[in-house]
Amino acid sequence: MIPKDSAVVPVVQEFYASLWDQESRKVEGRT
């Protein structure tokens, strides 16, 4: 495994976590 990849993974996870958070908030606001 490339060291660069292991450094990128947490960043991607954070990105998707915030993305899901925004999406779930949008859905909650709709209902």
N, C-alpha and C. Protein backbone atom coordinates (compact mmCIF):
# COMPACT_ATOMS: atom_id res chain seq x y z
N MET A 1 0.84 -1.20 0.00
CA MET A 1 0.00 0.00 0.00
C MET A 1 0.87 1.25 0.00
N ILE A 2 0.51 2.21 -0.83
CA ILE A 2 1.29 3.44 -0.93
C ILE A 2 0.99 4.34 0.27
N PRO A 3 2.02 4.92 0.90
CA PRO A 3 1.80 5.81 2.05
C PRO A 3 0.84 6.94 1.73
N LYS A 4 0.89 7.43 0.50
CA LYS A 4 0.01 8.53 0.10
C LYS A 4 -1.45 8.11 0.26
N ASP A 5 -1.74 6.86 -0.10
CA ASP A 5 -3.12 6.36 0.00
C ASP A 5 -3.60 6.37 1.44
N SER A 6 -2.75 5.91 2.36
CA SER A 6 -3.16 5.83 3.76
C SER A 6 -3.38 7.22 4.33
N ALA A 7 -2.75 8.22 3.72
CA ALA A 7 -2.95 9.60 4.18
C ALA A 7 -4.23 10.17 3.59
N VAL A 8 -4.61 9.67 2.41
CA VAL A 8 -5.79 10.20 1.72
C VAL A 8 -7.07 9.60 2.29
N VAL A 9 -7.02 8.34 2.71
CA VAL A 9 -8.22 7.64 3.18
C VAL A 9 -8.97 8.40 4.26
N PRO A 10 -8.32 8.85 5.35
CA PRO A 10 -9.05 9.60 6.39
C PRO A 10 -9.70 10.86 5.84
N VAL A 11 -9.04 11.51 4.90
CA VAL A 11 -9.58 12.74 4.32
C VAL A 11 -10.86 12.42 3.55
N VAL A 12 -10.82 11.33 2.79
CA VAL A 12 -11.99 10.93 2.01
C VAL A 12 -13.14 10.56 2.95
N GLN A 13 -12.81 9.85 4.04
CA GLN A 13 -13.84 9.46 5.00
C GLN A 13 -14.49 10.68 5.62
N GLU A 14 -13.67 11.66 5.97
CA GLU A 14 -14.20 12.90 6.55
C GLU A 14 -15.11 13.60 5.54
N PHE A 15 -14.67 13.61 4.28
CA PHE A 15 -15.43 14.26 3.22
C PHE A 15 -16.81 13.61 3.07
N TYR A 16 -16.82 12.28 3.02
CA TYR A 16 -18.10 11.58 2.85
C TYR A 16 -18.97 11.72 4.09
N ALA A 17 -18.35 11.75 5.27
CA ALA A 17 -19.12 11.91 6.51
C ALA A 17 -19.85 13.24 6.51
N SER A 18 -19.15 14.30 6.13
CA SER A 18 -19.78 15.63 6.10
C SER A 18 -20.83 15.68 4.99
N LEU A 19 -20.55 14.97 3.89
CA LEU A 19 -21.51 14.95 2.78
C LEU A 19 -22.80 14.27 3.22
N TRP A 20 -22.67 13.10 3.88
CA TRP A 20 -23.85 12.38 4.36
C TRP A 20 -24.60 13.22 5.39
N ASP A 21 -23.86 13.94 6.22
CA ASP A 21 -24.47 14.78 7.26
C ASP A 21 -25.34 15.85 6.61
N GLN A 22 -24.82 16.48 5.57
CA GLN A 22 -25.57 17.53 4.88
C GLN A 22 -26.81 16.93 4.22
N GLU A 23 -26.65 15.78 3.58
CA GLU A 23 -27.77 15.15 2.89
C GLU A 23 -28.86 14.76 3.87
N SER A 24 -28.49 14.18 5.00
CA SER A 24 -29.50 13.74 5.98
C SER A 24 -30.22 14.95 6.56
N ARG A 25 -29.50 16.06 6.71
CA ARG A 25 -30.14 17.27 7.23
C ARG A 25 -31.15 17.80 6.22
N LYS A 26 -30.79 17.70 4.93
CA LYS A 26 -31.70 18.16 3.87
C LYS A 26 -32.98 17.33 3.89
N VAL A 27 -32.83 16.02 4.03
CA VAL A 27 -33.99 15.12 4.04
C VAL A 27 -34.86 15.42 5.25
N GLU A 28 -34.23 15.62 6.40
CA GLU A 28 -34.99 15.92 7.62
C GLU A 28 -35.75 17.22 7.48
N GLY A 29 -35.14 18.20 6.81
CA GLY A 29 -35.80 19.49 6.64
C GLY A 29 -37.00 19.38 5.72
N ARG A 30 -36.94 18.42 4.77
CA ARG A 30 -38.03 18.25 3.82
C ARG A 30 -39.27 17.67 4.49
N THR A 31 -39.07 16.71 5.39
CA THR A 31 -40.22 16.03 6.00
C THR A 31 -40.90 16.91 7.03
